[in-house]
Amino acid sequence: PDQSLWRSGRSRFQVMMIPQGSFYSNAVRLNVI
C-alpha cells in the first residue's frame, strides 16, 4: 500500500497495481495524465 500512486500528494484518490497471474493472464498499459 505504501507504493500506491499519488500517496504522497493531496489527492483523495490513490491507485494500487494488480499483478499478473492465475486468470489475470495479460498485461495492460497504464498511463497518468
PDB file of all heavy atoms in Angstrom:
ATOM      1  N   PRO A   1       0.799  -1.231   0.000  1.00  0.00           N
ATOM      2  CA  PRO A   1       0.000   0.000   0.000  1.00  0.00           C
ATOM      3  C   PRO A   1       0.829   1.277   0.000  1.00  0.00           C
ATOM      4  O   PRO A   1       0.400   2.296  -0.557  1.00  0.00           O
ATOM      5  CB  PRO A   1      -0.836  -0.127   1.277  1.00  0.00           C
ATOM      6  CG  PRO A   1      -0.932  -1.598   1.524  1.00  0.00           C
ATOM      7  CD  PRO A   1       0.394  -2.153   1.084  1.00  0.00           C
ATOM      8  N   ASP A   2       2.033   1.221   0.609  1.00  0.00           N
ATOM      9  CA  ASP A   2       2.840   2.443   0.648  1.00  0.00           C
ATOM     10  C   ASP A   2       3.442   2.781  -0.714  1.00  0.00           C
ATOM     11  O   ASP A   2       4.078   3.832  -0.884  1.00  0.00           O
ATOM     12  CB  ASP A   2       3.934   2.334   1.711  1.00  0.00           C
ATOM     13  CG  ASP A   2       4.908   1.189   1.458  1.00  0.00           C
ATOM     14  OD1 ASP A   2       4.758   0.474   0.442  1.00  0.00           O
ATOM     15  OD2 ASP A   2       5.817   1.001   2.286  1.00  0.00           O
ATOM     16  N   GLN A   3       3.237   1.895  -1.706  1.00  0.00           N
ATOM     17  CA  GLN A   3       3.691   2.159  -3.061  1.00  0.00           C
ATOM     18  C   GLN A   3       2.569   2.730  -3.943  1.00  0.00           C
ATOM     19  O   GLN A   3       2.759   2.919  -5.149  1.00  0.00           O
ATOM     20  CB  GLN A   3       4.225   0.873  -3.697  1.00  0.00           C
ATOM     21  CG  GLN A   3       5.434   0.286  -3.007  1.00  0.00           C
ATOM     22  CD  GLN A   3       6.642   1.203  -3.110  1.00  0.00           C
ATOM     23  OE1 GLN A   3       6.948   1.707  -4.182  1.00  0.00           O
ATOM     24  NE2 GLN A   3       7.331   1.415  -1.997  1.00  0.00           N
ATOM     25  N   SER A   4       1.419   2.999  -3.352  1.00  0.00           N
ATOM     26  CA  SER A   4       0.268   3.468  -4.129  1.00  0.00           C
ATOM     27  C   SER A   4       0.576   4.772  -4.856  1.00  0.00           C
ATOM     28  O   SER A   4       1.226   5.673  -4.316  1.00  0.00           O
ATOM     29  CB  SER A   4      -0.941   3.675  -3.202  1.00  0.00           C
ATOM     30  OG  SER A   4      -1.373   2.458  -2.643  1.00  0.00           O
ATOM     31  N   LEU A   5       0.087   4.853  -6.072  1.00  0.00           N
ATOM     32  CA  LEU A   5       0.230   6.063  -6.868  1.00  0.00           C
ATOM     33  C   LEU A   5      -0.521   7.209  -6.204  1.00  0.00           C
ATOM     34  O   LEU A   5      -1.663   7.031  -5.760  1.00  0.00           O
ATOM     35  CB  LEU A   5      -0.307   5.798  -8.278  1.00  0.00           C
ATOM     36  CG  LEU A   5      -0.134   6.890  -9.329  1.00  0.00           C
ATOM     37  CD1 LEU A   5       1.341   7.107  -9.650  1.00  0.00           C
ATOM     38  CD2 LEU A   5      -0.902   6.507 -10.594  1.00  0.00           C
ATOM     39  N   TRP A   6       0.090   8.386  -6.125  1.00  0.00           N
ATOM     40  CA  TRP A   6      -0.444   9.623  -5.563  1.00  0.00           C
ATOM     41  C   TRP A   6      -0.540   9.595  -4.034  1.00  0.00           C
ATOM     42  O   TRP A   6      -1.171  10.454  -3.430  1.00  0.00           O
ATOM     43  CB  TRP A   6      -1.822   9.968  -6.145  1.00  0.00           C
ATOM     44  CG  TRP A   6      -1.839  10.039  -7.635  1.00  0.00           C
ATOM     45  CD1 TRP A   6      -0.834  10.477  -8.457  1.00  0.00           C
ATOM     46  CD2 TRP A   6      -2.905   9.647  -8.508  1.00  0.00           C
ATOM     47  NE1 TRP A   6      -1.200  10.384  -9.770  1.00  0.00           N
ATOM     48  CE2 TRP A   6      -2.464   9.889  -9.841  1.00  0.00           C
ATOM     49  CE3 TRP A   6      -4.183   9.138  -8.291  1.00  0.00           C
ATOM     50  CZ2 TRP A   6      -3.256   9.609 -10.938  1.00  0.00           C
ATOM     51  CZ3 TRP A   6      -4.977   8.858  -9.397  1.00  0.00           C
ATOM     52  CH2 TRP A   6      -4.520   9.086 -10.701  1.00  0.00           C
ATOM     53  N   ARG A   7       0.104   8.635  -3.398  1.00  0.00           N
ATOM     54  CA  ARG A   7       0.055   8.544  -1.943  1.00  0.00           C
ATOM     55  C   ARG A   7       0.682   9.764  -1.275  1.00  0.00           C
ATOM     56  O   ARG A   7       0.229  10.215  -0.221  1.00  0.00           O
ATOM     57  CB  ARG A   7       0.770   7.269  -1.469  1.00  0.00           C
ATOM     58  CG  ARG A   7       0.698   7.028   0.038  1.00  0.00           C
ATOM     59  CD  ARG A   7       1.417   5.734   0.410  1.00  0.00           C
ATOM     60  NE  ARG A   7       1.404   5.501   1.844  1.00  0.00           N
ATOM     61  CZ  ARG A   7       0.444   4.851   2.489  1.00  0.00           C
ATOM     62  NH1 ARG A   7      -0.601   4.382   1.824  1.00  0.00           N
ATOM     63  NH2 ARG A   7       0.513   4.663   3.796  1.00  0.00           N
ATOM     64  N   SER A   8       1.710  10.319  -1.908  1.00  0.00           N
ATOM     65  CA  SER A   8       2.421  11.442  -1.303  1.00  0.00           C
ATOM     66  C   SER A   8       1.785  12.789  -1.619  1.00  0.00           C
ATOM     67  O   SER A   8       2.205  13.817  -1.085  1.00  0.00           O
ATOM     68  CB  SER A   8       3.882  11.447  -1.768  1.00  0.00           C
ATOM     69  OG  SER A   8       3.946  11.563  -3.187  1.00  0.00           O
ATOM     70  N   GLY A   9       0.786  12.807  -2.481  1.00  0.00           N
ATOM     71  CA  GLY A   9       0.153  14.068  -2.840  1.00  0.00           C
ATOM     72  C   GLY A   9      -1.083  14.344  -2.012  1.00  0.00           C
ATOM     73  O   GLY A   9      -1.341  13.710  -0.991  1.00  0.00           O
ATOM     74  N   ARG A  10      -1.895  15.289  -2.463  1.00  0.00           N
ATOM     75  CA  ARG A  10      -3.101  15.674  -1.738  1.00  0.00           C
ATOM     76  C   ARG A  10      -4.370  15.136  -2.387  1.00  0.00           C
ATOM     77  O   ARG A  10      -5.473  15.511  -1.998  1.00  0.00           O
ATOM     78  CB  ARG A  10      -3.178  17.196  -1.632  1.00  0.00           C
ATOM     79  CG  ARG A  10      -2.079  17.814  -0.750  1.00  0.00           C
ATOM     80  CD  ARG A  10      -2.326  19.300  -0.557  1.00  0.00           C
ATOM     81  NE  ARG A  10      -2.227  20.032  -1.816  1.00  0.00           N
ATOM     82  CZ  ARG A  10      -2.705  21.260  -2.001  1.00  0.00           C
ATOM     83  NH1 ARG A  10      -3.366  21.860  -1.023  1.00  0.00           N
ATOM     84  NH2 ARG A  10      -2.556  21.860  -3.173  1.00  0.00           N
ATOM     85  N   SER A  11      -4.198  14.249  -3.343  1.00  0.00           N
ATOM     86  CA  SER A  11      -5.366  13.646  -3.980  1.00  0.00           C
ATOM     87  C   SER A  11      -6.058  12.701  -3.007  1.00  0.00           C
ATOM     88  O   SER A  11      -5.407  11.972  -2.244  1.00  0.00           O
ATOM     89  CB  SER A  11      -4.946  12.859  -5.232  1.00  0.00           C
ATOM     90  OG  SER A  11      -6.035  12.104  -5.731  1.00  0.00           O
ATOM     91  N   ARG A  12      -7.391  12.699  -3.024  1.00  0.00           N
ATOM     92  CA  ARG A  12      -8.145  11.759  -2.197  1.00  0.00           C
ATOM     93  C   ARG A  12      -8.162  10.368  -2.818  1.00  0.00           C
ATOM     94  O   ARG A  12      -8.521   9.392  -2.156  1.00  0.00           O
ATOM     95  CB  ARG A  12      -9.578  12.269  -2.002  1.00  0.00           C
ATOM     96  CG  ARG A  12      -9.632  13.676  -1.398  1.00  0.00           C
ATOM     97  CD  ARG A  12     -11.049  14.163  -1.264  1.00  0.00           C
ATOM     98  NE  ARG A  12     -11.718  13.534  -0.139  1.00  0.00           N
ATOM     99  CZ  ARG A  12     -13.009  13.701   0.152  1.00  0.00           C
ATOM    100  NH1 ARG A  12     -13.760  14.471  -0.634  1.00  0.00           N
ATOM    101  NH2 ARG A  12     -13.545  13.100   1.182  1.00  0.00           N
ATOM    102  N   PHE A  13      -7.795  10.282  -4.095  1.00  0.00           N
ATOM    103  CA  PHE A  13      -7.719   9.003  -4.792  1.00  0.00           C
ATOM    104  C   PHE A  13      -6.285   8.491  -4.787  1.00  0.00           C
ATOM    105  O   PHE A  13      -5.339   9.265  -4.897  1.00  0.00           O
ATOM    106  CB  PHE A  13      -8.168   9.147  -6.249  1.00  0.00           C
ATOM    107  CG  PHE A  13      -9.627   9.476  -6.425  1.00  0.00           C
ATOM    108  CD1 PHE A  13     -10.061  10.798  -6.416  1.00  0.00           C
ATOM    109  CD2 PHE A  13     -10.564   8.469  -6.603  1.00  0.00           C
ATOM    110  CE1 PHE A  13     -11.393  11.113  -6.586  1.00  0.00           C
ATOM    111  CE2 PHE A  13     -11.904   8.776  -6.781  1.00  0.00           C
ATOM    112  CZ  PHE A  13     -12.333  10.092  -6.769  1.00  0.00           C
ATOM    113  N   GLN A  14      -6.139   7.174  -4.665  1.00  0.00           N
ATOM    114  CA  GLN A  14      -4.858   6.518  -4.849  1.00  0.00           C
ATOM    115  C   GLN A  14      -5.062   5.293  -5.730  1.00  0.00           C
ATOM    116  O   GLN A  14      -6.191   4.814  -5.899  1.00  0.00           O
ATOM    117  CB  GLN A  14      -4.239   6.122  -3.503  1.00  0.00           C
ATOM    118  CG  GLN A  14      -3.858   7.312  -2.630  1.00  0.00           C
ATOM    119  CD  GLN A  14      -3.257   6.909  -1.297  1.00  0.00           C
ATOM    120  OE1 GLN A  14      -2.747   5.794  -1.140  1.00  0.00           O
ATOM    121  NE2 GLN A  14      -3.306   7.816  -0.324  1.00  0.00           N
ATOM    122  N   VAL A  15      -3.963   4.793  -6.311  1.00  0.00           N
ATOM    123  CA  VAL A  15      -4.027   3.681  -7.253  1.00  0.00           C
ATOM    124  C   VAL A  15      -3.091   2.568  -6.803  1.00  0.00           C
ATOM    125  O   VAL A  15      -1.909   2.816  -6.537  1.00  0.00           O
ATOM    126  CB  VAL A  15      -3.643   4.135  -8.674  1.00  0.00           C
ATOM    127  CG1 VAL A  15      -3.828   2.986  -9.667  1.00  0.00           C
ATOM    128  CG2 VAL A  15      -4.464   5.346  -9.101  1.00  0.00           C
ATOM    129  N   MET A  16      -3.628   1.343  -6.722  1.00  0.00           N
ATOM    130  CA  MET A  16      -2.845   0.149  -6.422  1.00  0.00           C
ATOM    131  C   MET A  16      -2.803  -0.723  -7.673  1.00  0.00           C
ATOM    132  O   MET A  16      -3.803  -0.847  -8.387  1.00  0.00           O
ATOM    133  CB  MET A  16      -3.478  -0.619  -5.258  1.00  0.00           C
ATOM    134  CG  MET A  16      -3.657   0.213  -3.991  1.00  0.00           C
ATOM    135  SD  MET A  16      -4.583  -0.664  -2.681  1.00  0.00           S
ATOM    136  CE  MET A  16      -3.411  -1.957  -2.249  1.00  0.00           C
ATOM    137  N   MET A  17      -1.651  -1.343  -7.939  1.00  0.00           N
ATOM    138  CA  MET A  17      -1.490  -2.146  -9.144  1.00  0.00           C
ATOM    139  C   MET A  17      -1.851  -3.611  -8.887  1.00  0.00           C
ATOM    140  O   MET A  17      -1.681  -4.126  -7.782  1.00  0.00           O
ATOM    141  CB  MET A  17      -0.055  -2.054  -9.665  1.00  0.00           C
ATOM    142  CG  MET A  17       0.472  -0.624  -9.788  1.00  0.00           C
ATOM    143  SD  MET A  17      -0.616   0.461 -10.750  1.00  0.00           S
ATOM    144  CE  MET A  17       0.128   2.055 -10.431  1.00  0.00           C
ATOM    145  N   ILE A  18      -2.340  -4.279  -9.942  1.00  0.00           N
ATOM    146  CA  ILE A  18      -2.715  -5.687  -9.865  1.00  0.00           C
ATOM    147  C   ILE A  18      -1.640  -6.509 -10.559  1.00  0.00           C
ATOM    148  O   ILE A  18      -1.269  -6.226 -11.706  1.00  0.00           O
ATOM    149  CB  ILE A  18      -4.077  -5.942 -10.536  1.00  0.00           C
ATOM    150  CG1 ILE A  18      -5.174  -5.147  -9.824  1.00  0.00           C
ATOM    151  CG2 ILE A  18      -4.423  -7.428 -10.545  1.00  0.00           C
ATOM    152  CD1 ILE A  18      -6.536  -5.258 -10.484  1.00  0.00           C
ATOM    153  N   PRO A  19      -1.114  -7.560  -9.899  1.00  0.00           N
ATOM    154  CA  PRO A  19      -0.079  -8.384 -10.527  1.00  0.00           C
ATOM    155  C   PRO A  19      -0.679  -9.362 -11.532  1.00  0.00           C
ATOM    156  O   PRO A  19      -1.837  -9.774 -11.415  1.00  0.00           O
ATOM    157  CB  PRO A  19       0.531  -9.145  -9.343  1.00  0.00           C
ATOM    158  CG  PRO A  19      -0.612  -9.286  -8.377  1.00  0.00           C
ATOM    159  CD  PRO A  19      -1.412  -8.011  -8.523  1.00  0.00           C
ATOM    160  N   GLN A  20       0.096  -9.731 -12.528  1.00  0.00           N
ATOM    161  CA  GLN A  20      -0.323 -10.789 -13.433  1.00  0.00           C
ATOM    162  C   GLN A  20      -0.203 -12.141 -12.731  1.00  0.00           C
ATOM    163  O   GLN A  20       0.617 -12.331 -11.841  1.00  0.00           O
ATOM    164  CB  GLN A  20       0.540 -10.790 -14.695  1.00  0.00           C
ATOM    165  CG  GLN A  20       0.276  -9.638 -15.638  1.00  0.00           C
ATOM    166  CD  GLN A  20       0.965  -9.843 -16.968  1.00  0.00           C
ATOM    167  OE1 GLN A  20       0.616 -10.740 -17.730  1.00  0.00           O
ATOM    168  NE2 GLN A  20       1.954  -9.003 -17.247  1.00  0.00           N
ATOM    169  N   GLY A  21      -1.037 -13.078 -13.168  1.00  0.00           N
ATOM    170  CA  GLY A  21      -1.009 -14.412 -12.605  1.00  0.00           C
ATOM    171  C   GLY A  21      -2.406 -15.004 -12.529  1.00  0.00           C
ATOM    172  O   GLY A  21      -3.405 -14.283 -12.564  1.00  0.00           O
ATOM    173  N   SER A  22      -2.488 -16.337 -12.452  1.00  0.00           N
ATOM    174  CA  SER A  22      -3.765 -17.048 -12.397  1.00  0.00           C
ATOM    175  C   SER A  22      -4.598 -16.651 -13.614  1.00  0.00           C
ATOM    176  O   SER A  22      -4.116 -16.719 -14.751  1.00  0.00           O
ATOM    177  CB  SER A  22      -4.468 -16.740 -11.084  1.00  0.00           C
ATOM    178  OG  SER A  22      -5.616 -17.544 -10.922  1.00  0.00           O
ATOM    179  N   PHE A  23      -5.846 -16.208 -13.424  1.00  0.00           N
ATOM    180  CA  PHE A  23      -6.671 -15.846 -14.577  1.00  0.00           C
ATOM    181  C   PHE A  23      -6.384 -14.431 -15.077  1.00  0.00           C
ATOM    182  O   PHE A  23      -6.937 -14.007 -16.099  1.00  0.00           O
ATOM    183  CB  PHE A  23      -8.157 -15.998 -14.259  1.00  0.00           C
ATOM    184  CG  PHE A  23      -8.591 -15.319 -13.000  1.00  0.00           C
ATOM    185  CD1 PHE A  23      -8.907 -13.980 -12.993  1.00  0.00           C
ATOM    186  CD2 PHE A  23      -8.689 -16.036 -11.813  1.00  0.00           C
ATOM    187  CE1 PHE A  23      -9.304 -13.342 -11.830  1.00  0.00           C
ATOM    188  CE2 PHE A  23      -9.096 -15.407 -10.646  1.00  0.00           C
ATOM    189  CZ  PHE A  23      -9.406 -14.061 -10.653  1.00  0.00           C
ATOM    190  N   TYR A  24      -5.530 -13.667 -14.381  1.00  0.00           N
ATOM    191  CA  TYR A  24      -5.063 -12.374 -14.895  1.00  0.00           C
ATOM    192  C   TYR A  24      -3.838 -12.647 -15.771  1.00  0.00           C
ATOM    193  O   TYR A  24      -2.698 -12.526 -15.338  1.00  0.00           O
ATOM    194  CB  TYR A  24      -4.697 -11.429 -13.761  1.00  0.00           C
ATOM    195  CG  TYR A  24      -5.871 -10.953 -12.940  1.00  0.00           C
ATOM    196  CD1 TYR A  24      -6.011 -11.318 -11.601  1.00  0.00           C
ATOM    197  CD2 TYR A  24      -6.834 -10.115 -13.488  1.00  0.00           C
ATOM    198  CE1 TYR A  24      -7.079 -10.874 -10.837  1.00  0.00           C
ATOM    199  CE2 TYR A  24      -7.907  -9.662 -12.735  1.00  0.00           C
ATOM    200  CZ  TYR A  24      -8.028 -10.047 -11.417  1.00  0.00           C
ATOM    201  OH  TYR A  24      -9.087  -9.610 -10.670  1.00  0.00           O
ATOM    202  N   SER A  25      -4.094 -12.996 -17.021  1.00  0.00           N
ATOM    203  CA  SER A  25      -3.026 -13.563 -17.850  1.00  0.00           C
ATOM    204  C   SER A  25      -2.421 -12.587 -18.854  1.00  0.00           C
ATOM    205  O   SER A  25      -1.502 -12.960 -19.585  1.00  0.00           O
ATOM    206  CB  SER A  25      -3.563 -14.782 -18.611  1.00  0.00           C
ATOM    207  OG  SER A  25      -4.674 -14.422 -19.419  1.00  0.00           O
ATOM    208  N   ASN A  26      -2.939 -11.341 -18.893  1.00  0.00           N
ATOM    209  CA  ASN A  26      -2.414 -10.374 -19.865  1.00  0.00           C
ATOM    210  C   ASN A  26      -2.037  -9.068 -19.181  1.00  0.00           C
ATOM    211  O   ASN A  26      -2.686  -8.658 -18.215  1.00  0.00           O
ATOM    212  CB  ASN A  26      -3.448 -10.078 -20.950  1.00  0.00           C
ATOM    213  CG  ASN A  26      -3.897 -11.312 -21.697  1.00  0.00           C
ATOM    214  OD1 ASN A  26      -5.035 -11.741 -21.563  1.00  0.00           O
ATOM    215  ND2 ASN A  26      -3.000 -11.899 -22.470  1.00  0.00           N
ATOM    216  N   ALA A  27      -1.026  -8.412 -19.728  1.00  0.00           N
ATOM    217  CA  ALA A  27      -0.633  -7.096 -19.224  1.00  0.00           C
ATOM    218  C   ALA A  27      -1.446  -6.008 -19.902  1.00  0.00           C
ATOM    219  O   ALA A  27      -1.862  -6.147 -21.055  1.00  0.00           O
ATOM    220  CB  ALA A  27       0.853  -6.862 -19.462  1.00  0.00           C
ATOM    221  N   VAL A  28      -1.703  -4.924 -19.172  1.00  0.00           N
ATOM    222  CA  VAL A  28      -2.317  -3.732 -19.758  1.00  0.00           C
ATOM    223  C   VAL A  28      -1.364  -2.559 -19.542  1.00  0.00           C
ATOM    224  O   VAL A  28      -0.655  -2.496 -18.542  1.00  0.00           O
ATOM    225  CB  VAL A  28      -3.696  -3.422 -19.125  1.00  0.00           C
ATOM    226  CG1 VAL A  28      -4.689  -4.534 -19.414  1.00  0.00           C
ATOM    227  CG2 VAL A  28      -3.589  -3.185 -17.630  1.00  0.00           C
ATOM    228  N   ARG A  29      -1.351  -1.662 -20.503  1.00  0.00           N
ATOM    229  CA  ARG A  29      -0.508  -0.477 -20.375  1.00  0.00           C
ATOM    230  C   ARG A  29      -1.251   0.568 -19.543  1.00  0.00           C
ATOM    231  O   ARG A  29      -2.434   0.851 -19.783  1.00  0.00           O
ATOM    232  CB  ARG A  29      -0.153   0.072 -21.761  1.00  0.00           C
ATOM    233  CG  ARG A  29       0.684  -0.870 -22.606  1.00  0.00           C
ATOM    234  CD  ARG A  29       1.050  -0.263 -23.956  1.00  0.00           C
ATOM    235  NE  ARG A  29      -0.116  -0.050 -24.791  1.00  0.00           N
ATOM    236  CZ  ARG A  29      -0.674  -0.985 -25.550  1.00  0.00           C
ATOM    237  NH1 ARG A  29      -0.179  -2.219 -25.564  1.00  0.00           N
ATOM    238  NH2 ARG A  29      -1.722  -0.707 -26.301  1.00  0.00           N
ATOM    239  N   LEU A  30      -0.562   1.160 -18.583  1.00  0.00           N
ATOM    240  CA  LEU A  30      -1.158   2.160 -17.698  1.00  0.00           C
ATOM    241  C   LEU A  30      -0.434   3.493 -17.877  1.00  0.00           C
ATOM    242  O   LEU A  30       0.802   3.530 -17.979  1.00  0.00           O
ATOM    243  CB  LEU A  30      -1.067   1.713 -16.239  1.00  0.00           C
ATOM    244  CG  LEU A  30      -1.725   0.376 -15.881  1.00  0.00           C
ATOM    245  CD1 LEU A  30      -1.531   0.061 -14.397  1.00  0.00           C
ATOM    246  CD2 LEU A  30      -3.209   0.393 -16.230  1.00  0.00           C
ATOM    247  N   ASN A  31      -1.213   4.565 -17.892  1.00  0.00           N
ATOM    248  CA  ASN A  31      -0.662   5.907 -18.083  1.00  0.00           C
ATOM    249  C   ASN A  31      -1.334   6.878 -17.122  1.00  0.00           C
ATOM    250  O   ASN A  31      -2.479   6.693 -16.718  1.00  0.00           O
ATOM    251  CB  ASN A  31      -0.913   6.394 -19.509  1.00  0.00           C
ATOM    252  CG  ASN A  31      -0.384   5.453 -20.567  1.00  0.00           C
ATOM    253  OD1 ASN A  31       0.771   5.504 -20.955  1.00  0.00           O
ATOM    254  ND2 ASN A  31      -1.258   4.566 -21.051  1.00  0.00           N
ATOM    255  N   VAL A  32      -0.601   7.944 -16.788  1.00  0.00           N
ATOM    256  CA  VAL A  32      -1.134   9.041 -15.985  1.00  0.00           C
ATOM    257  C   VAL A  32      -1.143  10.301 -16.841  1.00  0.00           C
ATOM    258  O   VAL A  32      -0.187  10.572 -17.589  1.00  0.00           O
ATOM    259  CB  VAL A  32      -0.275   9.267 -14.719  1.00  0.00           C
ATOM    260  CG1 VAL A  32      -0.679  10.563 -14.021  1.00  0.00           C
ATOM    261  CG2 VAL A  32      -0.420   8.099 -13.769  1.00  0.00           C
ATOM    262  N   ILE A  33      -2.243  11.045 -16.733  1.00  0.00           N
ATOM    263  CA  ILE A  33      -2.356  12.340 -17.403  1.00  0.00           C
ATOM    264  C   ILE A  33      -2.302  13.425 -16.343  1.00  0.00           C
ATOM    265  O   ILE A  33      -3.100  13.415 -15.388  1.00  0.00           O
ATOM    266  CB  ILE A  33      -3.682  12.462 -18.188  1.00  0.00           C
ATOM    267  CG1 ILE A  33      -3.873  11.274 -19.132  1.00  0.00           C
ATOM    268  CG2 ILE A  33      -3.732  13.765 -18.956  1.00  0.00           C
ATOM    269  CD1 ILE A  33      -5.270  11.198 -19.721  1.00  0.00           C
TER     270      ILE A  33
END
